[in-house]
Amino acid sequence: MSRALNLSATRAEVEATALRQKARITSIESLHPAGTRVVFASADAAAQFARAFKSQILEGRITRTPLRTRGAP
């Protein structure tokens, strides 16, 4: 399983659940127009999180926002 999940949940919901589950997040970003992409430190943490957010996993194509703009240091 991948360490990354795309969820139809807010960033705050994802962070709060990760804290409760003691799942370490390595990267998190907002999706356009709504949702959150989260990458966990381990595939096990991602699998546990996927079970908790089963109905909120986004399938198919998503639109991501760049974490950095092109040419930025």
C-alpha atoms as a PDB file:
ATOM      1  CA  MET A   1       0.000   0.000   0.000  1.00  0.00           C
ATOM      2  CA  SER A   2       1.105   3.545  -0.719  1.00  0.00           C
ATOM      3  CA  ARG A   3       1.953   5.914   2.111  1.00  0.00           C
ATOM      4  CA  ALA A   4      -0.139   8.667   0.446  1.00  0.00           C
ATOM      5  CA  LEU A   5      -3.900   9.172   0.734  1.00  0.00           C
ATOM      6  CA  ASN A   6      -6.249  11.688  -0.868  1.00  0.00           C
ATOM      7  CA  LEU A   7      -9.197  12.380   1.412  1.00  0.00           C
ATOM      8  CA  SER A   8     -12.395  14.419   1.290  1.00  0.00           C
ATOM      9  CA  ALA A   9     -11.650  15.710   4.785  1.00  0.00           C
ATOM     10  CA  THR A  10     -10.246  18.981   6.063  1.00  0.00           C
ATOM     11  CA  ARG A  11      -6.617  19.353   6.982  1.00  0.00           C
ATOM     12  CA  ALA A  12      -7.628  19.902  10.622  1.00  0.00           C
ATOM     13  CA  GLU A  13      -9.627  16.631  10.688  1.00  0.00           C
ATOM     14  CA  VAL A  14      -6.721  14.702   9.198  1.00  0.00           C
ATOM     15  CA  GLU A  15      -4.176  16.196  11.611  1.00  0.00           C
ATOM     16  CA  ALA A  16      -6.415  15.566  14.653  1.00  0.00           C
ATOM     17  CA  THR A  17      -7.009  11.932  13.698  1.00  0.00           C
ATOM     18  CA  ALA A  18      -3.317  11.376  12.984  1.00  0.00           C
ATOM     19  CA  LEU A  19      -2.486  12.742  16.425  1.00  0.00           C
ATOM     20  CA  ARG A  20      -5.015  10.407  18.078  1.00  0.00           C
ATOM     21  CA  GLN A  21      -3.714   7.408  16.126  1.00  0.00           C
ATOM     22  CA  LYS A  22      -0.071   8.440  16.684  1.00  0.00           C
ATOM     23  CA  ALA A  23       0.474   8.302  12.917  1.00  0.00           C
ATOM     24  CA  ARG A  24       3.417  10.463  11.809  1.00  0.00           C
ATOM     25  CA  ILE A  25       2.708  12.703   8.795  1.00  0.00           C
ATOM     26  CA  THR A  26       5.634  13.502   6.509  1.00  0.00           C
ATOM     27  CA  SER A  27       3.717  15.759   4.102  1.00  0.00           C
ATOM     28  CA  ILE A  28       0.260  17.297   3.994  1.00  0.00           C
ATOM     29  CA  GLU A  29      -1.353  19.613   1.447  1.00  0.00           C
ATOM     30  CA  SER A  30      -4.758  20.955   0.517  1.00  0.00           C
ATOM     31  CA  LEU A  31      -6.403  19.766  -2.676  1.00  0.00           C
ATOM     32  CA  HIS A  32      -8.356  21.927  -5.109  1.00  0.00           C
ATOM     33  CA  PRO A  33     -11.291  22.562  -4.745  1.00  0.00           C
ATOM     34  CA  ALA A  34     -11.535  20.619  -1.480  1.00  0.00           C
ATOM     35  CA  GLY A  35      -9.845  17.775   0.335  1.00  0.00           C
ATOM     36  CA  THR A  36      -6.449  16.865   1.709  1.00  0.00           C
ATOM     37  CA  ARG A  37      -3.501  14.839   0.464  1.00  0.00           C
ATOM     38  CA  VAL A  38      -1.483  13.294   3.261  1.00  0.00           C
ATOM     39  CA  VAL A  39       1.697  11.208   3.186  1.00  0.00           C
ATOM     40  CA  PHE A  40       2.544   9.100   6.219  1.00  0.00           C
ATOM     41  CA  ALA A  41       5.943   7.927   7.455  1.00  0.00           C
ATOM     42  CA  SER A  42       4.912   4.280   7.067  1.00  0.00           C
ATOM     43  CA  ALA A  43       2.577   2.208   4.926  1.00  0.00           C
ATOM     44  CA  ASP A  44       1.162   0.658   8.114  1.00  0.00           C
ATOM     45  CA  ALA A  45       0.078   4.084   9.380  1.00  0.00           C
ATOM     46  CA  ALA A  46      -1.499   4.836   5.993  1.00  0.00           C
ATOM     47  CA  ALA A  47      -3.408   1.531   6.040  1.00  0.00           C
ATOM     48  CA  GLN A  48      -4.710   2.191   9.557  1.00  0.00           C
ATOM     49  CA  PHE A  49      -5.750   5.696   8.539  1.00  0.00           C
ATOM     50  CA  ALA A  50      -7.435   4.397   5.369  1.00  0.00           C
ATOM     51  CA  ARG A  51      -9.627   2.129   7.488  1.00  0.00           C
ATOM     52  CA  ALA A  52     -10.673   5.088   9.670  1.00  0.00           C
ATOM     53  CA  PHE A  53     -11.448   7.299   6.625  1.00  0.00           C
ATOM     54  CA  LYS A  54     -12.715   4.513   4.331  1.00  0.00           C
ATOM     55  CA  SER A  55     -15.755   6.445   3.058  1.00  0.00           C
ATOM     56  CA  GLN A  56     -13.724   9.628   2.517  1.00  0.00           C
ATOM     57  CA  ILE A  57     -10.948   8.306   0.284  1.00  0.00           C
ATOM     58  CA  LEU A  58     -10.904  10.153  -3.036  1.00  0.00           C
ATOM     59  CA  GLU A  59     -10.547   7.958  -6.117  1.00  0.00           C
ATOM     60  CA  GLY A  60      -9.517   8.951  -9.598  1.00  0.00           C
ATOM     61  CA  ARG A  61      -7.900  12.125 -10.808  1.00  0.00           C
ATOM     62  CA  ILE A  62      -7.266  14.950  -8.351  1.00  0.00           C
ATOM     63  CA  THR A  63      -5.889  18.471  -8.709  1.00  0.00           C
ATOM     64  CA  ARG A  64      -2.883  19.201  -6.531  1.00  0.00           C
ATOM     65  CA  THR A  65      -1.463  22.595  -5.649  1.00  0.00           C
ATOM     66  CA  PRO A  66       2.335  22.855  -5.941  1.00  0.00           C
ATOM     67  CA  LEU A  67       4.092  22.953  -2.572  1.00  0.00           C
ATOM     68  CA  ARG A  68       6.647  25.364  -4.039  1.00  0.00           C
ATOM     69  CA  THR A  69       6.430  27.722  -6.947  1.00  0.00           C
ATOM     70  CA  ARG A  70       8.728  27.158  -9.862  1.00  0.00           C
ATOM     71  CA  GLY A  71      12.056  28.935  -9.508  1.00  0.00           C
ATOM     72  CA  ALA A  72      11.691  29.468  -5.752  1.00  0.00           C
ATOM     73  CA  PRO A  73      14.832  28.804  -3.698  1.00  0.00           C
END
